[in-house]
Protein backbone atom coordinates (compact mmCIF):
# COMPACT_ATOMS: atom_id res chain seq x y z
CA MET A 1 -8.84 -3.61 9.56
CA ARG A 2 -5.26 -4.77 9.97
CA LYS A 3 -4.48 -8.44 9.41
CA LEU A 4 -2.08 -10.84 11.14
CA ALA A 5 -1.26 -14.19 9.49
CA ILE A 6 -0.01 -17.22 11.41
CA VAL A 7 2.20 -19.36 9.19
CA GLY A 8 4.47 -22.36 9.55
CA ARG A 9 5.06 -25.98 8.62
CA PRO A 10 2.50 -28.65 9.60
CA ASN A 11 1.88 -29.62 13.22
CA VAL A 12 3.75 -26.79 15.00
CA GLY A 13 0.65 -25.49 16.80
CA LYS A 14 -0.63 -22.75 14.49
CA SER A 15 -4.29 -23.58 15.03
CA ALA A 16 -3.84 -23.81 18.80
CA LEU A 17 -2.22 -20.37 18.76
CA PHE A 18 -5.04 -19.06 16.54
CA ASN A 19 -7.64 -20.30 19.05
CA ARG A 20 -5.67 -18.84 21.98
CA ILE A 21 -5.56 -15.38 20.37
CA CYS A 22 -9.26 -15.53 19.42
CA LYS A 23 -10.13 -16.70 22.96
CA LYS A 24 -12.41 -19.37 21.51
CA ARG A 25 -12.12 -22.67 19.70
CA ILE A 26 -12.50 -21.98 15.97
CA ALA A 27 -9.72 -23.96 14.32
CA ILE A 28 -9.57 -27.75 14.69
CA VAL A 29 -6.54 -28.85 16.70
CA ASP A 30 -5.21 -32.36 16.07
CA GLU A 31 -1.85 -34.13 16.05
CA ALA A 32 -2.41 -35.27 12.46
CA GLU A 33 -0.86 -33.11 9.76
CA GLY A 34 -2.94 -31.18 7.25
CA ILE A 35 -6.07 -30.64 9.36
CA THR A 36 -6.20 -26.93 8.42
CA ARG A 37 -6.45 -26.62 4.64
CA ASP A 38 -8.30 -23.36 3.94
CA ARG A 39 -7.55 -20.00 5.49
CA LEU A 40 -9.52 -19.27 8.64
CA TYR A 41 -10.36 -15.68 9.58
CA ALA A 42 -11.46 -14.26 12.90
CA GLU A 43 -11.75 -10.76 14.35
CA THR A 44 -10.21 -10.17 17.75
CA GLU A 45 -8.39 -7.48 19.73
CA VAL A 46 -5.38 -7.01 21.98
CA PHE A 47 -4.63 -3.95 24.16
CA GLY A 48 -7.81 -2.40 22.72
CA LEU A 49 -6.45 -2.78 19.17
CA PRO A 50 -8.89 -4.61 16.84
CA PHE A 51 -7.43 -6.78 14.09
CA GLU A 52 -8.18 -9.79 11.93
CA ILE A 53 -6.18 -12.97 12.43
CA ILE A 54 -5.63 -15.57 9.69
CA ASP A 55 -4.81 -19.23 10.31
CA THR A 56 -3.16 -21.07 7.42
CA GLY A 57 -2.55 -24.66 6.50
CA GLY A 58 0.93 -26.07 7.08
CA ILE A 59 3.12 -26.13 3.97
CA ASP A 60 5.19 -29.23 3.23
CA PRO A 61 6.31 -29.82 -0.38
CA GLN A 62 7.15 -33.45 0.49
CA SER A 63 3.67 -34.21 1.77
CA LYS A 64 1.60 -36.81 -0.07
CA ASP A 65 -1.62 -35.01 0.85
CA ALA A 66 -3.64 -34.53 -2.34
CA PHE A 67 -4.65 -31.07 -1.13
CA GLN A 68 -1.08 -29.82 -0.53
CA GLU A 69 -1.02 -27.61 -3.67
CA GLU A 70 -4.29 -25.93 -2.63
CA ILE A 71 -2.98 -25.52 0.94
CA ARG A 72 0.16 -23.84 -0.43
CA ARG A 73 -1.90 -21.46 -2.57
CA GLN A 74 -4.25 -20.57 0.29
CA ALA A 75 -1.30 -19.88 2.63
CA GLU A 76 0.40 -17.75 -0.03
CA ILE A 77 -2.70 -15.57 -0.31
CA ALA A 78 -2.63 -15.08 3.47
CA TYR A 79 1.05 -14.06 3.39
CA GLU A 80 0.30 -11.44 0.76
CA GLU A 81 -2.77 -9.84 2.32
CA ALA A 82 -1.49 -9.74 5.92
CA ASP A 83 0.05 -6.60 7.41
CA SER A 84 2.15 -8.57 9.89
CA LEU A 85 3.34 -12.19 10.01
CA VAL A 86 4.05 -14.71 12.77
CA LEU A 87 6.16 -17.74 11.82
CA VAL A 88 5.47 -20.58 14.27
CA VAL A 89 8.12 -23.25 14.92
CA ASP A 90 8.27 -26.19 17.33
CA GLY A 91 10.74 -25.53 20.15
CA THR A 92 10.84 -29.21 21.14
CA VAL A 93 11.84 -30.34 17.65
CA GLY A 94 14.36 -27.62 16.79
CA VAL A 95 15.14 -26.05 13.41
CA THR A 96 14.08 -28.04 10.35
CA PRO A 97 14.94 -27.44 6.67
CA LEU A 98 11.30 -26.46 6.07
CA ASP A 99 11.51 -23.84 8.84
CA GLN A 100 14.58 -22.42 7.09
CA ASP A 101 12.82 -22.33 3.71
CA LEU A 102 9.77 -20.55 5.14
CA ALA A 103 11.93 -18.04 7.03
CA ARG A 104 13.77 -17.13 3.79
CA ILE A 105 10.47 -16.64 1.92
CA LEU A 106 8.93 -14.47 4.66
CA LEU A 107 12.03 -12.32 5.20
CA LYS A 108 12.05 -11.44 1.50
CA MET A 109 8.50 -10.07 1.80
CA GLY A 110 9.76 -7.20 3.98
CA LYS A 111 6.72 -7.22 6.27
CA PRO A 112 6.86 -7.09 10.09
CA LEU A 113 7.79 -10.65 11.09
CA VAL A 114 7.92 -12.38 14.49
CA LEU A 115 9.27 -15.86 15.16
CA ALA A 116 7.11 -17.66 17.73
CA VAL A 117 8.93 -20.67 19.21
CA ASN A 118 5.97 -22.71 20.38
CA LYS A 119 5.58 -25.50 22.97
CA ILE A 120 7.77 -23.70 25.51
CA ASP A 121 5.52 -24.53 28.46
CA GLU A 122 7.75 -23.18 31.23
CA PRO A 123 10.01 -20.09 31.42
CA LYS A 124 13.01 -22.28 32.28
CA HIS A 125 12.78 -23.86 28.81
CA SER A 126 13.22 -20.47 27.06
CA SER A 127 16.87 -21.35 26.42
CA LEU A 128 15.59 -23.50 23.54
CA LEU A 129 15.22 -20.24 21.60
CA HIS A 130 18.95 -19.90 20.94
CA GLU A 131 18.95 -22.62 18.28
CA PHE A 132 16.51 -20.58 16.17
CA HIS A 133 18.74 -17.50 15.77
CA CYS A 134 20.06 -19.15 12.60
CA LEU A 135 16.75 -18.32 10.87
CA GLY A 136 17.76 -14.65 10.78
CA ILE A 137 14.52 -13.27 12.29
CA SER A 138 15.38 -10.48 14.74
CA LYS A 139 12.10 -10.53 16.68
CA MET A 140 11.78 -13.87 18.47
CA VAL A 141 9.75 -14.98 21.47
CA ALA A 142 9.09 -18.24 23.33
CA VAL A 143 5.38 -19.02 23.56
CA SER A 144 3.02 -21.75 24.61
CA ALA A 145 -0.21 -21.84 22.66
CA ALA A 146 -1.53 -24.48 25.06
CA HIS A 147 -0.97 -22.41 28.22
CA GLY A 148 -0.98 -18.84 26.84
CA PHE A 149 2.62 -18.19 27.87
CA GLN A 150 3.88 -14.90 26.34
CA VAL A 151 1.20 -14.79 23.62
CA ALA A 152 0.44 -11.16 24.50
CA GLU A 153 4.16 -10.31 24.21
CA MET A 154 4.23 -11.95 20.78
CA LEU A 155 1.29 -9.83 19.57
CA GLU A 156 2.90 -6.67 20.93
CA MET A 157 6.02 -7.44 18.85
CA ALA A 158 3.91 -8.14 15.76
CA TRP A 159 2.20 -4.73 15.87
CA GLU A 160 5.06 -2.64 17.30
CA LYS A 161 6.39 -1.23 14.02
CA ILE A 162 2.95 -0.56 12.54
CA GLN A 163 1.75 1.22 15.71
CA LYS A 164 4.82 3.48 15.74
CA GLU A 165 4.31 4.42 12.09
CA GLU A 166 0.62 5.21 12.70
CA GLU A 167 1.38 7.31 15.80
CA GLU A 168 3.98 9.34 13.88
CA LYS A 169 1.54 9.86 11.02
CA ILE A 170 -1.22 11.05 13.36
CA GLN A 171 1.14 13.57 14.97
CA LYS A 172 2.35 15.00 11.65
CA GLY A 173 -1.00 14.80 9.89
CA THR A 174 -1.31 14.47 6.13
CA ARG A 175 1.94 15.47 4.41
CA ILE A 176 1.25 17.61 1.34
CA SER A 177 3.79 18.48 -1.36
CA VAL A 178 3.18 21.45 -3.64
CA ILE A 179 4.68 20.31 -6.95
CA GLY A 180 5.08 21.98 -10.33
CA ARG A 181 7.27 23.74 -12.85
CA PRO A 182 9.07 26.94 -11.86
CA ASN A 183 6.96 30.08 -11.53
CA VAL A 184 3.52 28.47 -11.56
CA GLY A 185 2.70 29.96 -8.15
CA LYS A 186 3.70 27.31 -5.61
CA SER A 187 5.11 29.69 -2.99
CA THR A 188 2.24 32.15 -3.54
CA LEU A 189 -0.20 29.31 -2.86
CA LEU A 190 1.51 28.41 0.42
CA ASN A 191 1.73 32.04 1.53
CA THR A 192 -1.98 32.54 0.88
CA LEU A 193 -2.92 29.33 2.69
CA LEU A 194 -0.73 30.24 5.66
CA GLU A 195 -1.79 33.88 5.57
CA GLU A 196 1.84 34.88 6.04
CA LYS A 197 4.94 35.18 3.86
CA ARG A 198 6.79 32.01 4.88
CA CYS A 199 8.26 31.47 1.37
CA VAL A 200 10.05 33.91 -0.90
CA VAL A 201 7.80 35.02 -3.77
CA SER A 202 9.35 36.38 -6.96
CA PRO A 203 8.45 36.53 -10.67
CA LEU A 204 11.93 35.16 -11.36
CA ALA A 205 11.67 31.44 -12.15
CA GLY A 206 13.46 29.10 -9.76
CA THR A 207 13.52 31.33 -6.66
CA THR A 208 12.78 28.42 -4.29
CA ARG A 209 15.69 25.98 -4.15
CA ASP A 210 15.08 24.16 -0.87
CA SER A 211 12.12 22.02 0.15
CA VAL A 212 10.47 23.75 3.11
CA GLU A 213 8.32 21.75 5.59
CA ILE A 214 5.68 23.77 7.43
CA PRO A 215 3.37 22.32 10.15
CA PHE A 216 -0.10 23.68 9.55
CA THR A 217 -3.55 23.32 11.10
CA TYR A 218 -6.76 23.75 9.12
CA GLN A 219 -10.11 23.58 10.91
CA GLY A 220 -8.47 21.75 13.81
CA ARG A 221 -6.73 19.07 11.70
CA PRO A 222 -2.91 18.81 11.48
CA TYR A 223 -1.10 18.90 8.13
CA THR A 224 2.46 19.35 6.98
CA LEU A 225 2.90 21.48 3.86
CA ILE A 226 6.02 20.97 1.74
CA ASP A 227 7.09 23.73 -0.66
CA THR A 228 9.49 22.52 -3.32
CA ALA A 229 11.86 23.88 -5.91
CA GLY A 230 10.33 24.06 -9.37
CA ILE A 231 11.35 21.27 -11.71
CA ARG A 232 13.13 22.41 -14.87
CA ARG A 233 13.86 20.44 -18.01
CA LYS A 234 17.36 18.98 -17.90
CA LYS A 235 18.59 21.21 -20.71
CA SER A 236 17.67 24.21 -18.52
CA GLU A 237 19.60 23.01 -15.46
CA HIS A 238 22.48 25.45 -15.74
CA ASP A 239 24.17 24.77 -12.42
CA VAL A 240 24.55 22.15 -9.73
CA VAL A 241 22.16 23.98 -7.38
CA GLU A 242 19.34 23.60 -9.90
CA LYS A 243 20.04 19.87 -10.23
CA PHE A 244 19.96 19.38 -6.48
CA ALA A 245 16.70 21.36 -6.34
CA ALA A 246 15.13 18.90 -8.79
CA LEU A 247 16.35 15.97 -6.67
CA ARG A 248 14.85 17.55 -3.56
CA THR A 249 11.53 17.85 -5.37
CA VAL A 250 11.56 14.13 -6.14
CA ARG A 251 12.34 13.41 -2.49
CA ALA A 252 9.51 15.70 -1.42
CA ILE A 253 7.13 13.63 -3.54
CA GLU A 254 8.39 10.49 -1.81
CA ARG A 255 7.93 12.04 1.67
CA SER A 256 4.39 13.24 1.00
CA ASP A 257 1.00 11.56 1.25
CA VAL A 258 -0.77 13.83 -1.25
CA CYS A 259 0.75 15.99 -4.00
CA LEU A 260 -0.82 19.21 -5.24
CA LEU A 261 0.23 19.42 -8.89
CA LEU A 262 0.12 23.09 -9.80
CA VAL A 263 -0.44 23.90 -13.48
CA ASP A 264 -0.41 27.35 -15.09
CA ALA A 265 -3.95 27.69 -16.47
CA GLN A 266 -2.70 29.99 -19.25
CA GLU A 267 -0.14 27.50 -20.53
CA GLY A 268 -2.01 24.26 -19.84
CA ILE A 269 -0.36 20.92 -19.24
CA THR A 270 3.08 20.46 -20.78
CA ALA A 271 5.41 17.51 -21.23
CA GLN A 272 6.99 18.47 -17.92
CA GLU A 273 3.68 18.18 -16.05
CA LYS A 274 3.15 14.76 -17.61
CA LYS A 275 6.57 13.71 -16.33
CA ILE A 276 5.76 15.01 -12.85
CA ALA A 277 2.41 13.18 -12.91
CA ASN A 278 4.26 9.95 -13.77
CA GLN A 279 6.67 10.53 -10.88
CA ILE A 280 3.75 11.02 -8.49
CA GLU A 281 2.02 7.88 -9.74
CA ASP A 282 5.23 5.80 -9.62
CA ALA A 283 5.82 6.95 -6.04
CA GLY A 284 2.30 5.78 -5.15
CA LYS A 285 1.10 9.16 -3.89
CA GLY A 286 -2.31 10.77 -4.04
CA CYS A 287 -2.66 13.67 -6.48
CA ILE A 288 -4.87 16.74 -6.91
CA VAL A 289 -4.47 19.00 -9.95
CA LEU A 290 -4.75 22.73 -9.35
CA LEU A 291 -5.16 25.00 -12.38
CA ASN A 292 -3.62 28.19 -11.02
CA LYS A 293 -3.89 31.78 -12.33
CA TRP A 294 -7.45 31.12 -13.48
CA ASP A 295 -8.17 34.80 -12.88
CA LEU A 296 -6.00 35.56 -15.93
CA VAL A 297 -7.85 33.18 -18.27
CA LYS A 298 -10.39 34.82 -20.56
CA GLY A 299 -12.85 33.25 -22.99
CA PHE A 300 -12.19 29.61 -22.08
CA ARG A 301 -14.67 27.37 -20.29
CA MET A 302 -13.51 25.50 -17.18
CA GLU A 303 -15.00 22.20 -18.42
CA HIS A 304 -12.98 22.39 -21.65
CA ALA A 305 -9.76 23.03 -19.72
CA LEU A 306 -10.32 20.05 -17.45
CA GLN A 307 -11.24 17.74 -20.34
CA SER A 308 -8.11 18.76 -22.21
CA ILE A 309 -5.87 17.87 -19.25
CA ARG A 310 -7.64 14.55 -18.59
CA GLU A 311 -7.00 13.50 -22.17
CA GLU A 312 -3.27 14.23 -21.81
CA SER A 313 -2.50 11.75 -19.00
CA PRO A 314 -4.31 8.49 -18.02
CA PHE A 315 -3.45 8.95 -14.33
CA LEU A 316 -4.59 12.58 -14.21
CA ALA A 317 -7.96 11.53 -15.64
CA HIS A 318 -8.75 10.00 -12.22
CA CYS A 319 -7.53 12.97 -10.14
CA PRO A 320 -9.67 15.75 -8.66
CA PHE A 321 -9.30 19.14 -10.43
CA LEU A 322 -9.73 22.63 -9.07
CA CYS A 323 -9.45 25.94 -10.90
CA ILE A 324 -7.87 28.39 -8.45
CA SER A 325 -6.14 31.71 -8.09
CA ALA A 326 -3.42 31.52 -5.44
CA LYS A 327 -2.95 35.28 -5.66
CA GLU A 328 -6.62 36.17 -5.11
CA GLY A 329 -7.49 33.22 -2.88
CA ARG A 330 -10.10 31.89 -5.30
CA ASN A 331 -11.39 28.34 -4.50
CA LEU A 332 -8.62 27.72 -1.96
CA ASP A 333 -11.24 26.72 0.62
CA LYS A 334 -11.99 23.67 -1.55
CA ILE A 335 -8.44 22.32 -1.47
CA PHE A 336 -8.37 20.76 2.00
CA PRO A 337 -11.69 18.86 1.67
CA GLU A 338 -10.24 17.34 -1.52
CA ILE A 339 -7.00 16.48 0.30
CA ASP A 340 -9.00 14.70 3.02
CA GLN A 341 -10.96 12.73 0.39
CA VAL A 342 -7.82 11.64 -1.47
CA THR A 343 -6.09 10.72 1.80
CA LEU A 344 -9.08 8.58 2.75
CA ALA A 345 -9.01 6.93 -0.68
CA THR A 346 -5.31 6.01 -0.38
CA GLN A 347 -6.08 4.33 2.96
CA THR A 348 -9.22 2.51 1.81
CA ARG A 349 -9.23 -1.27 2.20
CA ILE A 350 -11.79 -3.42 0.38
CA SER A 351 -12.74 -6.81 1.79
CA THR A 352 -11.65 -9.94 -0.02
CA HIS A 353 -15.29 -11.02 -0.40
CA GLN A 354 -16.20 -7.76 -2.17
CA LEU A 355 -13.20 -8.02 -4.48
CA ASN A 356 -14.02 -11.55 -5.55
CA THR A 357 -17.66 -10.63 -6.13
CA PHE A 358 -16.39 -7.80 -8.36
CA ILE A 359 -14.07 -10.16 -10.29
CA GLU A 360 -16.85 -12.70 -10.87
CA LYS A 361 -19.19 -10.05 -12.30
CA ALA A 362 -16.44 -8.48 -14.43
CA ILE A 363 -15.59 -11.87 -15.95
CA GLN A 364 -19.25 -12.64 -16.60
CA LEU A 365 -19.62 -9.38 -18.53
CA ASN A 366 -16.44 -9.87 -20.52
CA HIS A 367 -14.61 -13.20 -20.51
CA PRO A 368 -10.82 -13.20 -20.99
CA PRO A 369 -9.88 -13.93 -24.60
CA MET A 370 -8.17 -17.14 -25.68
CA LEU A 371 -4.42 -16.92 -26.23
CA ARG A 372 -2.51 -19.77 -27.91
CA GLY A 373 -5.37 -22.14 -27.11
CA LYS A 374 -5.39 -21.21 -23.42
CA ARG A 375 -7.75 -18.99 -21.45
CA LEU A 376 -6.79 -16.90 -18.44
CA ARG A 377 -8.37 -18.05 -15.19
CA ILE A 378 -8.58 -15.68 -12.22
CA TYR A 379 -8.87 -17.70 -9.02
CA TYR A 380 -8.80 -14.99 -6.43
CA MET A 381 -8.31 -11.26 -5.81
CA THR A 382 -7.18 -9.72 -2.56
CA GLN A 383 -5.92 -6.36 -1.31
CA VAL A 384 -2.51 -6.62 0.33
CA ASP A 385 -1.66 -3.01 1.14
CA VAL A 386 -2.85 0.60 1.38
CA THR A 387 -1.20 3.98 0.69
CA PRO A 388 -1.22 3.21 -2.16
CA PRO A 389 -3.80 0.42 -2.49
CA ARG A 390 -2.15 -2.73 -3.84
CA PHE A 391 -4.03 -5.75 -5.13
CA ILE A 392 -2.96 -9.24 -6.18
CA LEU A 393 -4.80 -11.42 -8.66
CA PHE A 394 -4.00 -15.12 -8.37
CA VAL A 395 -4.22 -16.59 -11.86
CA ASN A 396 -3.33 -19.79 -13.71
CA HIS A 397 -0.75 -18.15 -16.04
CA PRO A 398 0.21 -14.43 -15.76
CA SER A 399 1.39 -14.41 -19.39
CA LEU A 400 -2.22 -14.95 -20.50
CA MET A 401 -3.29 -11.60 -19.07
CA GLN A 402 -3.39 -9.31 -22.08
CA GLN A 403 -2.89 -5.59 -21.57
CA SER A 404 -6.30 -4.78 -23.03
CA TYR A 405 -8.05 -7.11 -20.56
CA GLN A 406 -6.07 -5.75 -17.60
CA LYS A 407 -7.08 -2.24 -18.66
CA TYR A 408 -10.71 -3.40 -18.83
CA LEU A 409 -10.53 -4.75 -15.27
CA LEU A 410 -8.88 -1.57 -13.99
CA ASN A 411 -11.50 0.68 -15.65
CA ARG A 412 -14.34 -1.44 -14.26
CA PHE A 413 -12.69 -1.32 -10.85
CA ARG A 414 -12.47 2.47 -10.83
CA GLU A 415 -16.13 2.63 -11.80
CA HIS A 416 -17.06 0.55 -8.75
CA TYR A 417 -14.78 1.94 -6.06
CA PRO A 418 -13.95 5.56 -5.07
CA PHE A 419 -10.20 5.87 -5.52
CA ALA A 420 -10.07 9.42 -6.90
CA GLY A 421 -6.55 10.78 -7.14
CA THR A 422 -5.07 7.47 -6.01
CA PRO A 423 -2.67 5.21 -7.94
CA LEU A 424 -3.79 1.59 -8.04
CA ASN A 425 -1.28 -1.27 -8.21
CA PHE A 426 -2.47 -4.55 -9.69
CA HIS A 427 -0.08 -7.51 -9.56
CA LEU A 428 -0.46 -11.01 -11.02
CA LYS A 429 0.64 -14.16 -9.27
CA GLY A 430 0.59 -17.54 -10.96
CA LYS A 431 1.39 -21.08 -9.98
CA PRO A 432 5.07 -21.86 -9.30
CA SER A 433 6.94 -22.34 -12.58
CA SER A 434 3.68 -21.71 -14.42
CA SER A 435 3.62 -21.32 -18.17
CA PRO A 436 0.81 -21.51 -20.74
CA ARG A 437 2.12 -24.87 -21.94
CA SER A 438 2.01 -26.65 -18.60
């Protein structure tokens, strides 16, 4: 479920706005600063769109409140895990230095951001908005949390960009790139899937030089297939056209949701396939490995071929594998169910409660080692994005996270959750100016 976080300095009306959106009194509303300290969550809907709303404590570095550091950390977690943000300011007070600081922080995050100028109780007071243009937030609206003035308009702004992206994605369906070295059978695979010769097929390596996008429907579901130029090693790029073909392949990876990495079953995985796999993983795309020309392989067991490839690349070890023959149509009916599974995995979101239960159990089984007299502490884990799934671990000191322990957590995580063919991004976030010596 998508998440919207309400953020701002103390006493600007965040909790009142939270209650207004939820249509019930959940957050405590009071004139005193610092009433909201922990994050509050509630599920609600607008225009038939369900979402989760997060209320955060007001951040003020100058506050003498003993809980201010915890409030800051809780609000930071909300910023990270939300899909869209609403910065609330007080229209009767005007712009404050703290408003400016928060606006700079939120703009850097690159997420959909709306500025809600609160306490505008009548339309004639909307002129108070002009002072807030200096914050640099393009989407701005006057609201009144107390009276409900333009709250619906604010929510429409907050979800506008995300809704457009989702509508475009639904229309185009899953975008699939067929990736691989020259002459491994990419165009043959597309022609067989489409049951027509849409791409030029030739035994001469490098025949396809342009990326070709083809709308395609399979069992009533829309897809877009992308045929790409084969990637050559740089020493084999004899002319400018070949170099541009390689660039177009990289762009095709970036435009796709799932990549079909085609490997010649007779030759096995080469250094070039490893490089392509790294490009797919770095781009955050789902991946399925297809061992093509399996009809030409004699005297070699399928299990041994798959095990050999899994040992060659850590990322490929978590990808689905199929042994196919594009020419004969062997096992091609299994490709689209795998694409649907990988697409679902890239869009999977795990609740914060489940993630923290996982972290607690993982730590109990294997405590972080001591480093220079200090031990890593993991306070919290949350998922902040999908396609690809991105997670943040809030820790005491990121430098205490050893590579071996991070690998342990990642392996345990893949054992627990079905993310086949999906890159996983784990990021560490420590206290401000944190170091093991502090």
